[in-house]
Amino acid sequence: MLPALALLLLAAHFFRAGLTPLAALCVMAVGLLFVRATWAVRALQTLLGLGALEWIRTAWVFATARAAAGQPYGRLLVILGLVAVITVVAVMVLRGTASRRH
């Protein structure tokens, strides 16, 4: 399931950055995929939406640092951009899930 993958990618990102509480939050949020309530879907959509913004912020920070160091950054932008797009698509998948439940 795409939302679970997006959450686990975010968890790995936060864990690597030393933000263990945020990583744990993302891993625990995977459990919300099994809750059949509107609030759970909305919470996941919010978390994934913020996650997409985090990927964009990370891409900006890393690309800026690499550009300042005179290193190539195009591939980095493509990869992190695709991860951000996957995260947004995961939000859309949940949006479809919420509408089917009502």
N, C-alpha and C. Protein backbone atom coordinates (compact mmCIF):
# COMPACT_ATOMS: atom_id res chain seq x y z
N MET A 1 0.85 -1.17 0.00
CA MET A 1 0.00 0.00 0.00
C MET A 1 0.90 1.24 0.00
N LEU A 2 0.60 2.16 -0.88
CA LEU A 2 1.43 3.34 -1.08
C LEU A 2 1.53 4.24 0.15
N PRO A 3 0.45 4.48 0.89
CA PRO A 3 0.59 5.31 2.09
C PRO A 3 1.56 4.71 3.12
N ALA A 4 1.55 3.40 3.26
CA ALA A 4 2.47 2.76 4.20
C ALA A 4 3.92 2.95 3.75
N LEU A 5 4.16 2.80 2.46
CA LEU A 5 5.50 3.01 1.93
C LEU A 5 5.95 4.45 2.16
N ALA A 6 5.08 5.41 1.90
CA ALA A 6 5.42 6.82 2.09
C ALA A 6 5.72 7.11 3.55
N LEU A 7 4.95 6.53 4.46
CA LEU A 7 5.20 6.73 5.89
C LEU A 7 6.52 6.11 6.32
N LEU A 8 6.84 4.95 5.80
CA LEU A 8 8.10 4.30 6.16
C LEU A 8 9.30 5.03 5.58
N LEU A 9 9.15 5.59 4.39
CA LEU A 9 10.23 6.42 3.84
C LEU A 9 10.46 7.67 4.69
N LEU A 10 9.37 8.27 5.15
CA LEU A 10 9.50 9.41 6.04
C LEU A 10 10.16 9.01 7.35
N ALA A 11 9.78 7.85 7.87
CA ALA A 11 10.39 7.37 9.11
C ALA A 11 11.89 7.18 8.94
N ALA A 12 12.30 6.60 7.82
CA ALA A 12 13.73 6.40 7.57
C ALA A 12 14.45 7.74 7.45
N HIS A 13 13.82 8.70 6.80
CA HIS A 13 14.40 10.03 6.66
C HIS A 13 14.61 10.68 8.03
N PHE A 14 13.58 10.65 8.86
CA PHE A 14 13.68 11.25 10.18
C PHE A 14 14.69 10.52 11.06
N PHE A 15 14.71 9.19 10.96
CA PHE A 15 15.65 8.41 11.76
C PHE A 15 17.09 8.75 11.38
N ARG A 16 17.36 8.85 10.10
CA ARG A 16 18.70 9.19 9.64
C ARG A 16 19.10 10.59 10.08
N ALA A 17 18.13 11.49 10.20
CA ALA A 17 18.41 12.85 10.65
C ALA A 17 18.52 12.95 12.17
N GLY A 18 18.33 11.83 12.86
CA GLY A 18 18.43 11.83 14.31
C GLY A 18 17.16 12.28 15.01
N LEU A 19 16.07 12.33 14.28
CA LEU A 19 14.78 12.74 14.84
C LEU A 19 13.94 11.50 15.15
N THR A 20 14.41 10.74 16.12
CA THR A 20 13.78 9.46 16.46
C THR A 20 12.31 9.58 16.84
N PRO A 21 11.89 10.59 17.61
CA PRO A 21 10.45 10.69 17.92
C PRO A 21 9.58 10.84 16.67
N LEU A 22 10.04 11.62 15.70
CA LEU A 22 9.27 11.76 14.47
C LEU A 22 9.27 10.46 13.66
N ALA A 23 10.40 9.75 13.69
CA ALA A 23 10.46 8.46 13.01
C ALA A 23 9.48 7.48 13.65
N ALA A 24 9.43 7.47 14.98
CA ALA A 24 8.50 6.58 15.68
C ALA A 24 7.06 6.96 15.38
N LEU A 25 6.77 8.25 15.29
CA LEU A 25 5.42 8.70 14.95
C LEU A 25 5.00 8.18 13.58
N CYS A 26 5.91 8.26 12.62
CA CYS A 26 5.59 7.78 11.27
C CYS A 26 5.35 6.27 11.26
N VAL A 27 6.16 5.53 12.00
CA VAL A 27 5.97 4.08 12.05
C VAL A 27 4.64 3.74 12.72
N MET A 28 4.33 4.43 13.81
CA MET A 28 3.06 4.16 14.50
C MET A 28 1.87 4.57 13.64
N ALA A 29 2.03 5.59 12.81
CA ALA A 29 0.94 6.05 11.96
C ALA A 29 0.53 4.99 10.94
N VAL A 30 1.43 4.08 10.62
CA VAL A 30 1.07 2.98 9.71
C VAL A 30 -0.11 2.20 10.28
N GLY A 31 -0.16 2.08 11.59
CA GLY A 31 -1.28 1.39 12.23
C GLY A 31 -2.62 2.06 11.98
N LEU A 32 -2.61 3.36 11.74
CA LEU A 32 -3.86 4.07 11.45
C LEU A 32 -4.48 3.63 10.13
N LEU A 33 -3.68 3.01 9.28
CA LEU A 33 -4.24 2.52 8.01
C LEU A 33 -5.28 1.42 8.23
N PHE A 34 -5.25 0.81 9.41
CA PHE A 34 -6.19 -0.26 9.72
C PHE A 34 -7.39 0.22 10.52
N VAL A 35 -7.44 1.50 10.83
CA VAL A 35 -8.57 2.08 11.57
C VAL A 35 -9.60 2.57 10.57
N ARG A 36 -10.82 2.09 10.71
CA ARG A 36 -11.88 2.46 9.77
C ARG A 36 -12.68 3.64 10.33
N ALA A 37 -12.02 4.77 10.41
CA ALA A 37 -12.69 5.98 10.89
C ALA A 37 -12.20 7.17 10.07
N THR A 38 -13.08 8.12 9.90
CA THR A 38 -12.75 9.29 9.10
C THR A 38 -11.59 10.07 9.71
N TRP A 39 -11.56 10.17 11.04
CA TRP A 39 -10.49 10.94 11.68
C TRP A 39 -9.12 10.34 11.39
N ALA A 40 -9.06 9.00 11.30
CA ALA A 40 -7.77 8.34 11.03
C ALA A 40 -7.28 8.68 9.62
N VAL A 41 -8.21 8.69 8.67
CA VAL A 41 -7.84 9.03 7.30
C VAL A 41 -7.37 10.49 7.23
N ARG A 42 -8.08 11.37 7.91
CA ARG A 42 -7.70 12.79 7.92
C ARG A 42 -6.33 12.98 8.59
N ALA A 43 -6.08 12.27 9.67
CA ALA A 43 -4.79 12.38 10.34
C ALA A 43 -3.66 11.90 9.43
N LEU A 44 -3.89 10.80 8.72
CA LEU A 44 -2.89 10.30 7.78
C LEU A 44 -2.67 11.27 6.63
N GLN A 45 -3.74 11.84 6.11
CA GLN A 45 -3.61 12.82 5.03
C GLN A 45 -2.80 14.03 5.49
N THR A 46 -3.06 14.48 6.69
CA THR A 46 -2.31 15.63 7.23
C THR A 46 -0.84 15.28 7.40
N LEU A 47 -0.58 14.13 7.99
CA LEU A 47 0.81 13.70 8.21
C LEU A 47 1.56 13.54 6.89
N LEU A 48 0.93 12.93 5.92
CA LEU A 48 1.58 12.75 4.62
C LEU A 48 1.74 14.08 3.87
N GLY A 49 0.78 14.96 4.02
CA GLY A 49 0.91 16.29 3.41
C GLY A 49 2.09 17.05 3.98
N LEU A 50 2.23 16.99 5.30
CA LEU A 50 3.39 17.61 5.94
C LEU A 50 4.68 16.90 5.52
N GLY A 51 4.58 15.59 5.32
CA GLY A 51 5.74 14.83 4.86
C GLY A 51 6.19 15.27 3.47
N ALA A 52 5.24 15.53 2.59
CA ALA A 52 5.59 16.01 1.25
C ALA A 52 6.30 17.36 1.33
N LEU A 53 5.82 18.22 2.21
CA LEU A 53 6.49 19.51 2.42
C LEU A 53 7.90 19.31 2.97
N GLU A 54 8.07 18.32 3.83
CA GLU A 54 9.40 18.02 4.37
C GLU A 54 10.34 17.54 3.27
N TRP A 55 9.85 16.73 2.35
CA TRP A 55 10.70 16.28 1.24
C TRP A 55 11.12 17.46 0.37
N ILE A 56 10.21 18.39 0.13
CA ILE A 56 10.55 19.56 -0.68
C ILE A 56 11.57 20.43 0.06
N ARG A 57 11.37 20.62 1.36
CA ARG A 57 12.32 21.39 2.15
C ARG A 57 13.70 20.74 2.15
N THR A 58 13.72 19.43 2.30
CA THR A 58 14.99 18.70 2.30
C THR A 58 15.69 18.83 0.96
N ALA A 59 14.92 18.71 -0.11
CA ALA A 59 15.51 18.85 -1.45
C ALA A 59 16.13 20.24 -1.60
N TRP A 60 15.45 21.26 -1.14
CA TRP A 60 15.96 22.63 -1.23
C TRP A 60 17.26 22.78 -0.43
N VAL A 61 17.25 22.30 0.80
CA VAL A 61 18.42 22.44 1.67
C VAL A 61 19.61 21.70 1.09
N PHE A 62 19.40 20.45 0.69
CA PHE A 62 20.51 19.65 0.16
C PHE A 62 21.03 20.21 -1.16
N ALA A 63 20.12 20.62 -2.04
CA ALA A 63 20.54 21.15 -3.34
C ALA A 63 21.31 22.46 -3.16
N THR A 64 20.85 23.30 -2.25
CA THR A 64 21.55 24.55 -1.98
C THR A 64 22.96 24.29 -1.46
N ALA A 65 23.08 23.34 -0.54
CA ALA A 65 24.39 23.01 0.02
C ALA A 65 25.32 22.45 -1.06
N ARG A 66 24.78 21.57 -1.90
CA ARG A 66 25.62 20.99 -2.96
C ARG A 66 26.01 22.04 -3.99
N ALA A 67 25.10 22.94 -4.34
CA ALA A 67 25.42 24.00 -5.29
C ALA A 67 26.50 24.92 -4.73
N ALA A 68 26.41 25.23 -3.44
CA ALA A 68 27.40 26.09 -2.81
C ALA A 68 28.78 25.44 -2.79
N ALA A 69 28.78 24.11 -2.72
CA ALA A 69 30.05 23.37 -2.71
C ALA A 69 30.54 23.07 -4.12
N GLY A 70 29.78 23.48 -5.13
CA GLY A 70 30.17 23.24 -6.51
C GLY A 70 29.96 21.81 -6.96
N GLN A 71 29.10 21.09 -6.27
CA GLN A 71 28.81 19.70 -6.61
C GLN A 71 27.51 19.62 -7.41
N PRO A 72 27.36 18.57 -8.20
CA PRO A 72 26.11 18.41 -8.96
C PRO A 72 24.94 18.11 -8.03
N TYR A 73 23.78 18.60 -8.39
CA TYR A 73 22.62 18.40 -7.52
C TYR A 73 21.36 18.02 -8.30
N GLY A 74 21.45 17.86 -9.59
CA GLY A 74 20.28 17.54 -10.41
C GLY A 74 19.65 16.21 -10.04
N ARG A 75 20.48 15.19 -9.92
CA ARG A 75 19.95 13.85 -9.59
C ARG A 75 19.29 13.86 -8.22
N LEU A 76 19.88 14.60 -7.27
CA LEU A 76 19.30 14.71 -5.94
C LEU A 76 17.90 15.31 -6.01
N LEU A 77 17.74 16.36 -6.82
CA LEU A 77 16.43 16.99 -6.97
C LEU A 77 15.42 16.06 -7.61
N VAL A 78 15.86 15.29 -8.59
CA VAL A 78 14.95 14.35 -9.24
C VAL A 78 14.47 13.29 -8.25
N ILE A 79 15.41 12.73 -7.50
CA ILE A 79 15.05 11.66 -6.56
C ILE A 79 14.13 12.18 -5.47
N LEU A 80 14.52 13.27 -4.82
CA LEU A 80 13.68 13.79 -3.74
C LEU A 80 12.36 14.35 -4.27
N GLY A 81 12.38 14.88 -5.49
CA GLY A 81 11.13 15.32 -6.10
C GLY A 81 10.17 14.16 -6.34
N LEU A 82 10.71 13.04 -6.80
CA LEU A 82 9.87 11.85 -7.01
C LEU A 82 9.32 11.31 -5.69
N VAL A 83 10.14 11.35 -4.65
CA VAL A 83 9.66 10.90 -3.33
C VAL A 83 8.54 11.82 -2.85
N ALA A 84 8.67 13.12 -3.08
CA ALA A 84 7.61 14.06 -2.70
C ALA A 84 6.34 13.77 -3.51
N VAL A 85 6.48 13.49 -4.79
CA VAL A 85 5.32 13.17 -5.63
C VAL A 85 4.65 11.88 -5.16
N ILE A 86 5.45 10.88 -4.82
CA ILE A 86 4.89 9.62 -4.30
C ILE A 86 4.10 9.88 -3.02
N THR A 87 4.62 10.75 -2.18
CA THR A 87 3.92 11.08 -0.93
C THR A 87 2.60 11.79 -1.21
N VAL A 88 2.59 12.69 -2.17
CA VAL A 88 1.35 13.37 -2.54
C VAL A 88 0.35 12.37 -3.15
N VAL A 89 0.83 11.45 -3.96
CA VAL A 89 -0.06 10.42 -4.52
C VAL A 89 -0.64 9.56 -3.41
N ALA A 90 0.15 9.30 -2.37
CA ALA A 90 -0.36 8.54 -1.22
C ALA A 90 -1.50 9.28 -0.55
N VAL A 91 -1.41 10.61 -0.48
CA VAL A 91 -2.52 11.41 0.07
C VAL A 91 -3.75 11.24 -0.82
N MET A 92 -3.56 11.25 -2.11
CA MET A 92 -4.69 11.08 -3.05
C MET A 92 -5.32 9.69 -2.92
N VAL A 93 -4.50 8.69 -2.71
CA VAL A 93 -5.02 7.33 -2.49
C VAL A 93 -5.92 7.33 -1.26
N LEU A 94 -5.47 7.99 -0.20
CA LEU A 94 -6.29 8.07 1.01
C LEU A 94 -7.55 8.89 0.79
N ARG A 95 -7.45 9.88 -0.07
CA ARG A 95 -8.63 10.69 -0.37
C ARG A 95 -9.70 9.82 -1.03
N GLY A 96 -9.27 8.95 -1.93
CA GLY A 96 -10.20 8.01 -2.55
C GLY A 96 -10.78 7.04 -1.56
N THR A 97 -9.96 6.62 -0.60
CA THR A 97 -10.41 5.71 0.45
C THR A 97 -11.47 6.37 1.31
N ALA A 98 -11.27 7.62 1.65
CA ALA A 98 -12.23 8.33 2.50
C ALA A 98 -13.56 8.50 1.80
N SER A 99 -13.54 8.79 0.51
CA SER A 99 -14.79 8.99 -0.20
C SER A 99 -15.54 7.68 -0.40
N ARG A 100 -14.82 6.58 -0.53
CA ARG A 100 -15.49 5.27 -0.67
C ARG A 100 -16.15 4.83 0.62
N ARG A 101 -15.65 5.27 1.76
CA ARG A 101 -16.21 4.85 3.04
C ARG A 101 -17.52 5.56 3.35
N HIS A 102 -17.80 6.67 2.66
CA HIS A 102 -19.02 7.45 2.96
C HIS A 102 -20.05 7.27 1.88
